[in-house]
Amino acid sequence: MKSPNALFEAPSLRNTASPSIITHDEYLKGDSALLAKYTGKGGELITFYLVCDAAYPTLHTDTTIADHGTYGAYIDSVNHWDILGKQILAFYTVVSDSELLGFSAMFSFTILDK
């Protein structure tokens, strides 16, 4: 297996008042998202990893579409209850034809519990 040769831009938050904090109200609304800017060919897999002091990392995988430059993972109370109130490190990987193309720089954010 070849080593990945690409380092992508760190993900960022969308639909939040702060660039690094999801407020409790934003979390409850479910409109906030972790956003990756990536343009590649269709059919690649982009996987977000959310890592904190929870028992397991949280993963979100999406299939890329040709000429589509952004992908997101919505942060909500149904799927992300275990990371509420925590400092989270996030990054994403891109896989094409079963080969890891690369991964992003790390991004740190917090979801406020009150």
N, C-alpha and C. Protein backbone atom coordinates (compact mmCIF):
# COMPACT_ATOMS: atom_id res chain seq x y z
N MET A 1 0.84 -1.18 0.00
CA MET A 1 0.00 0.00 0.00
C MET A 1 0.88 1.24 0.00
N LYS A 2 0.58 2.16 -0.90
CA LYS A 2 1.34 3.39 -0.98
C LYS A 2 0.89 4.36 0.12
N SER A 3 1.80 5.20 0.53
CA SER A 3 1.45 6.23 1.52
C SER A 3 0.61 7.31 0.85
N PRO A 4 -0.33 7.90 1.60
CA PRO A 4 -1.11 8.99 1.02
C PRO A 4 -0.19 10.17 0.71
N ASN A 5 -0.49 10.88 -0.36
CA ASN A 5 0.38 11.97 -0.76
C ASN A 5 -0.29 13.33 -0.75
N ALA A 6 -1.45 13.44 -0.16
CA ALA A 6 -2.16 14.71 -0.15
C ALA A 6 -2.53 15.11 1.27
N LEU A 7 -2.32 16.38 1.56
CA LEU A 7 -2.80 16.96 2.81
C LEU A 7 -3.81 18.02 2.44
N PHE A 8 -5.04 17.83 2.88
CA PHE A 8 -6.12 18.74 2.52
C PHE A 8 -6.30 19.81 3.60
N GLU A 9 -6.97 20.88 3.22
CA GLU A 9 -7.30 21.96 4.15
C GLU A 9 -8.16 21.41 5.29
N ALA A 10 -7.95 21.95 6.48
CA ALA A 10 -8.72 21.52 7.66
C ALA A 10 -10.20 21.80 7.44
N PRO A 11 -11.08 20.97 8.00
CA PRO A 11 -12.51 21.28 7.94
C PRO A 11 -12.82 22.52 8.75
N SER A 12 -14.03 23.02 8.60
CA SER A 12 -14.46 24.21 9.34
C SER A 12 -15.93 24.05 9.70
N LEU A 13 -16.43 24.96 10.53
CA LEU A 13 -17.84 24.92 10.92
C LEU A 13 -18.66 25.81 10.00
N ARG A 14 -19.90 25.41 9.78
CA ARG A 14 -20.85 26.18 8.98
C ARG A 14 -22.13 26.35 9.81
N ASN A 15 -22.79 27.48 9.63
CA ASN A 15 -24.04 27.81 10.33
C ASN A 15 -23.83 27.93 11.84
N THR A 16 -22.74 28.57 12.22
CA THR A 16 -22.46 28.87 13.63
C THR A 16 -22.05 30.33 13.75
N ALA A 17 -22.30 30.92 14.91
CA ALA A 17 -21.89 32.31 15.14
C ALA A 17 -20.38 32.41 15.34
N SER A 18 -19.77 31.36 15.84
CA SER A 18 -18.33 31.33 16.11
C SER A 18 -17.64 30.35 15.15
N PRO A 19 -16.40 30.62 14.77
CA PRO A 19 -15.70 29.68 13.89
C PRO A 19 -15.23 28.40 14.59
N SER A 20 -15.29 28.37 15.94
CA SER A 20 -14.79 27.19 16.65
C SER A 20 -15.70 26.71 17.78
N ILE A 21 -16.92 27.25 17.85
CA ILE A 21 -17.86 26.85 18.91
C ILE A 21 -19.25 26.63 18.30
N ILE A 22 -19.88 25.53 18.68
CA ILE A 22 -21.30 25.32 18.40
C ILE A 22 -22.01 25.55 19.72
N THR A 23 -22.88 26.56 19.77
CA THR A 23 -23.61 26.84 21.00
C THR A 23 -24.64 25.73 21.24
N HIS A 24 -25.16 25.69 22.45
CA HIS A 24 -26.16 24.67 22.77
C HIS A 24 -27.41 24.85 21.90
N ASP A 25 -27.83 26.10 21.68
CA ASP A 25 -29.00 26.35 20.82
C ASP A 25 -28.74 25.91 19.38
N GLU A 26 -27.54 26.20 18.86
CA GLU A 26 -27.19 25.77 17.50
C GLU A 26 -27.19 24.24 17.40
N TYR A 27 -26.69 23.60 18.43
CA TYR A 27 -26.65 22.14 18.50
C TYR A 27 -28.07 21.56 18.47
N LEU A 28 -28.98 22.15 19.26
CA LEU A 28 -30.36 21.65 19.31
C LEU A 28 -31.10 21.85 17.99
N LYS A 29 -30.80 22.95 17.28
CA LYS A 29 -31.44 23.20 15.98
C LYS A 29 -31.00 22.17 14.93
N GLY A 30 -29.76 21.69 15.02
CA GLY A 30 -29.27 20.70 14.08
C GLY A 30 -28.86 21.24 12.73
N ASP A 31 -28.69 22.57 12.60
CA ASP A 31 -28.31 23.17 11.33
C ASP A 31 -26.80 23.35 11.17
N SER A 32 -26.04 23.22 12.26
CA SER A 32 -24.59 23.40 12.20
C SER A 32 -23.95 22.18 11.56
N ALA A 33 -22.88 22.43 10.83
CA ALA A 33 -22.22 21.32 10.14
C ALA A 33 -20.71 21.50 10.15
N LEU A 34 -20.03 20.39 10.06
CA LEU A 34 -18.60 20.36 9.83
C LEU A 34 -18.43 20.29 8.32
N LEU A 35 -17.65 21.19 7.75
CA LEU A 35 -17.58 21.35 6.30
C LEU A 35 -16.18 21.06 5.79
N ALA A 36 -16.09 20.28 4.72
CA ALA A 36 -14.82 20.00 4.04
C ALA A 36 -14.89 20.60 2.64
N LYS A 37 -13.82 21.27 2.25
CA LYS A 37 -13.72 21.77 0.88
C LYS A 37 -12.81 20.81 0.12
N TYR A 38 -13.40 20.08 -0.80
CA TYR A 38 -12.65 19.08 -1.56
C TYR A 38 -13.29 18.92 -2.94
N THR A 39 -12.48 19.03 -3.98
CA THR A 39 -12.96 18.81 -5.33
C THR A 39 -12.19 17.63 -5.91
N GLY A 40 -12.89 16.62 -6.27
CA GLY A 40 -12.27 15.43 -6.84
C GLY A 40 -13.21 14.81 -7.85
N LYS A 41 -12.95 13.57 -8.18
CA LYS A 41 -13.85 12.89 -9.11
C LYS A 41 -15.01 12.26 -8.35
N GLY A 42 -16.08 11.99 -9.04
CA GLY A 42 -17.23 11.36 -8.42
C GLY A 42 -16.93 9.95 -7.95
N GLY A 43 -17.62 9.54 -6.90
CA GLY A 43 -17.49 8.18 -6.40
C GLY A 43 -16.40 7.97 -5.36
N GLU A 44 -15.70 9.01 -4.98
CA GLU A 44 -14.71 8.89 -3.92
C GLU A 44 -15.42 8.94 -2.57
N LEU A 45 -14.80 8.39 -1.55
CA LEU A 45 -15.38 8.43 -0.21
C LEU A 45 -14.66 9.46 0.63
N ILE A 46 -15.43 10.34 1.25
CA ILE A 46 -14.88 11.31 2.19
C ILE A 46 -15.44 10.95 3.57
N THR A 47 -14.56 10.75 4.53
CA THR A 47 -14.98 10.35 5.87
C THR A 47 -14.49 11.36 6.88
N PHE A 48 -15.43 11.90 7.66
CA PHE A 48 -15.11 12.82 8.76
C PHE A 48 -14.88 11.99 10.02
N TYR A 49 -13.86 12.34 10.78
CA TYR A 49 -13.56 11.72 12.07
C TYR A 49 -13.67 12.80 13.13
N LEU A 50 -14.50 12.57 14.14
CA LEU A 50 -14.65 13.49 15.28
C LEU A 50 -14.14 12.74 16.50
N VAL A 51 -13.04 13.23 17.06
CA VAL A 51 -12.35 12.53 18.14
C VAL A 51 -12.35 13.40 19.39
N CYS A 52 -12.75 12.81 20.51
CA CYS A 52 -12.72 13.51 21.81
C CYS A 52 -12.57 12.43 22.89
N ASP A 53 -12.90 12.78 24.13
CA ASP A 53 -12.74 11.80 25.20
C ASP A 53 -13.96 10.89 25.36
N ALA A 54 -14.74 10.71 24.30
CA ALA A 54 -15.83 9.73 24.30
C ALA A 54 -15.22 8.34 24.08
N ALA A 55 -16.02 7.31 24.28
CA ALA A 55 -15.52 5.94 24.17
C ALA A 55 -15.00 5.61 22.76
N TYR A 56 -15.66 6.14 21.73
CA TYR A 56 -15.28 5.85 20.35
C TYR A 56 -15.32 7.14 19.54
N PRO A 57 -14.52 7.23 18.46
CA PRO A 57 -14.65 8.40 17.58
C PRO A 57 -15.97 8.33 16.83
N THR A 58 -16.47 9.48 16.44
CA THR A 58 -17.68 9.55 15.63
C THR A 58 -17.27 9.69 14.18
N LEU A 59 -17.89 8.91 13.29
CA LEU A 59 -17.55 8.92 11.87
C LEU A 59 -18.77 9.32 11.05
N HIS A 60 -18.51 10.01 9.95
CA HIS A 60 -19.56 10.33 8.98
C HIS A 60 -18.94 10.18 7.59
N THR A 61 -19.51 9.31 6.76
CA THR A 61 -18.97 9.07 5.42
C THR A 61 -19.95 9.53 4.36
N ASP A 62 -19.41 10.13 3.29
CA ASP A 62 -20.22 10.61 2.17
C ASP A 62 -19.51 10.22 0.88
N THR A 63 -20.26 10.06 -0.19
CA THR A 63 -19.69 9.78 -1.50
C THR A 63 -19.61 11.07 -2.28
N THR A 64 -18.45 11.33 -2.89
CA THR A 64 -18.27 12.59 -3.60
C THR A 64 -18.99 12.57 -4.95
N ILE A 65 -19.29 13.78 -5.42
CA ILE A 65 -19.93 13.99 -6.71
C ILE A 65 -18.96 14.85 -7.52
N ALA A 66 -18.76 14.52 -8.78
CA ALA A 66 -17.85 15.29 -9.62
C ALA A 66 -18.27 16.76 -9.65
N ASP A 67 -17.30 17.64 -9.60
CA ASP A 67 -17.51 19.09 -9.66
C ASP A 67 -18.30 19.65 -8.49
N HIS A 68 -18.36 18.94 -7.39
CA HIS A 68 -19.02 19.43 -6.18
C HIS A 68 -17.90 19.70 -5.17
N GLY A 69 -17.75 20.93 -4.73
CA GLY A 69 -16.57 21.31 -3.96
C GLY A 69 -16.67 21.29 -2.45
N THR A 70 -17.87 21.07 -1.90
CA THR A 70 -17.99 21.06 -0.44
C THR A 70 -18.84 19.88 0.02
N TYR A 71 -18.45 19.34 1.18
CA TYR A 71 -19.17 18.22 1.79
C TYR A 71 -19.30 18.50 3.26
N GLY A 72 -20.43 18.10 3.84
CA GLY A 72 -20.65 18.41 5.24
C GLY A 72 -21.21 17.26 6.04
N ALA A 73 -20.99 17.35 7.34
CA ALA A 73 -21.56 16.42 8.31
C ALA A 73 -22.31 17.26 9.33
N TYR A 74 -23.63 17.17 9.33
CA TYR A 74 -24.43 17.95 10.28
C TYR A 74 -24.20 17.45 11.70
N ILE A 75 -24.11 18.39 12.63
CA ILE A 75 -23.93 18.08 14.05
C ILE A 75 -25.29 18.27 14.72
N ASP A 76 -25.86 17.20 15.26
CA ASP A 76 -27.19 17.28 15.86
C ASP A 76 -27.28 16.43 17.12
N SER A 77 -28.38 16.62 17.84
CA SER A 77 -28.56 15.94 19.13
C SER A 77 -28.90 14.46 18.99
N VAL A 78 -29.32 14.02 17.83
CA VAL A 78 -29.65 12.61 17.62
C VAL A 78 -28.38 11.78 17.42
N ASN A 79 -27.49 12.25 16.56
CA ASN A 79 -26.30 11.48 16.21
C ASN A 79 -25.05 11.84 17.00
N HIS A 80 -25.07 12.94 17.72
CA HIS A 80 -23.85 13.41 18.37
C HIS A 80 -24.05 13.71 19.85
N TRP A 81 -24.94 13.01 20.51
CA TRP A 81 -25.21 13.24 21.93
C TRP A 81 -23.99 12.94 22.79
N ASP A 82 -23.12 12.03 22.34
CA ASP A 82 -21.97 11.63 23.16
C ASP A 82 -20.80 12.61 23.11
N ILE A 83 -20.86 13.61 22.22
CA ILE A 83 -19.77 14.60 22.16
C ILE A 83 -20.21 15.98 22.65
N LEU A 84 -21.42 16.07 23.17
CA LEU A 84 -21.92 17.33 23.73
C LEU A 84 -21.07 17.76 24.91
N GLY A 85 -20.68 19.03 24.94
CA GLY A 85 -19.88 19.56 26.04
C GLY A 85 -18.41 19.21 25.97
N LYS A 86 -17.95 18.76 24.82
CA LYS A 86 -16.56 18.30 24.71
C LYS A 86 -15.77 19.13 23.71
N GLN A 87 -14.47 19.11 23.89
CA GLN A 87 -13.53 19.65 22.92
C GLN A 87 -13.27 18.55 21.89
N ILE A 88 -13.46 18.85 20.62
CA ILE A 88 -13.41 17.84 19.57
C ILE A 88 -12.30 18.17 18.58
N LEU A 89 -11.55 17.17 18.20
CA LEU A 89 -10.60 17.28 17.10
C LEU A 89 -11.21 16.59 15.90
N ALA A 90 -11.23 17.27 14.77
CA ALA A 90 -11.86 16.71 13.58
C ALA A 90 -10.90 16.77 12.39
N PHE A 91 -11.01 15.76 11.55
CA PHE A 91 -10.28 15.74 10.28
C PHE A 91 -11.07 14.85 9.33
N TYR A 92 -10.67 14.83 8.07
CA TYR A 92 -11.33 13.93 7.12
C TYR A 92 -10.29 13.25 6.23
N THR A 93 -10.69 12.11 5.69
CA THR A 93 -9.86 11.36 4.75
C THR A 93 -10.62 11.23 3.43
N VAL A 94 -9.87 11.01 2.36
CA VAL A 94 -10.47 10.77 1.05
C VAL A 94 -9.90 9.46 0.50
N VAL A 95 -10.81 8.58 0.09
CA VAL A 95 -10.44 7.28 -0.49
C VAL A 95 -11.01 7.21 -1.90
N SER A 96 -10.16 6.79 -2.84
CA SER A 96 -10.58 6.62 -4.23
C SER A 96 -10.09 5.27 -4.73
N ASP A 97 -10.97 4.50 -5.32
CA ASP A 97 -10.62 3.17 -5.84
C ASP A 97 -9.91 2.34 -4.77
N SER A 98 -10.43 2.36 -3.57
CA SER A 98 -9.92 1.60 -2.41
C SER A 98 -8.52 2.03 -1.96
N GLU A 99 -8.08 3.20 -2.38
CA GLU A 99 -6.76 3.70 -1.99
C GLU A 99 -6.91 5.04 -1.28
N LEU A 100 -6.24 5.17 -0.13
CA LEU A 100 -6.27 6.42 0.62
C LEU A 100 -5.50 7.48 -0.15
N LEU A 101 -6.21 8.55 -0.58
CA LEU A 101 -5.56 9.63 -1.30
C LEU A 101 -4.86 10.60 -0.35
N GLY A 102 -5.48 10.85 0.79
CA GLY A 102 -4.89 11.78 1.73
C GLY A 102 -5.84 12.09 2.87
N PHE A 103 -5.41 13.01 3.71
CA PHE A 103 -6.21 13.40 4.87
C PHE A 103 -6.03 14.89 5.10
N SER A 104 -6.93 15.45 5.89
CA SER A 104 -6.91 16.89 6.13
C SER A 104 -6.09 17.23 7.36
N ALA A 105 -5.80 18.50 7.48
CA ALA A 105 -5.23 19.02 8.72
C ALA A 105 -6.30 18.92 9.80
N MET A 106 -5.90 18.96 11.06
CA MET A 106 -6.83 18.86 12.19
C MET A 106 -7.54 20.20 12.42
N PHE A 107 -8.76 20.10 12.94
CA PHE A 107 -9.55 21.27 13.31
C PHE A 107 -10.14 21.01 14.69
N SER A 108 -10.07 21.99 15.56
CA SER A 108 -10.58 21.84 16.93
C SER A 108 -11.80 22.73 17.13
N PHE A 109 -12.85 22.14 17.72
CA PHE A 109 -14.04 22.93 18.05
C PHE A 109 -14.71 22.35 19.29
N THR A 110 -15.63 23.12 19.84
CA THR A 110 -16.34 22.74 21.07
C THR A 110 -17.84 22.81 20.83
N ILE A 111 -18.58 21.88 21.45
CA ILE A 111 -20.04 21.94 21.48
C ILE A 111 -20.42 22.26 22.92
N LEU A 112 -20.99 23.43 23.14
CA LEU A 112 -21.36 23.84 24.49
C LEU A 112 -22.55 23.04 25.00
N ASP A 113 -22.51 22.65 26.28
CA ASP A 113 -23.61 21.85 26.83
C ASP A 113 -24.65 22.69 27.54
N LYS A 114 -24.48 24.00 27.61
CA LYS A 114 -25.49 24.89 28.23
C LYS A 114 -25.54 26.19 27.50
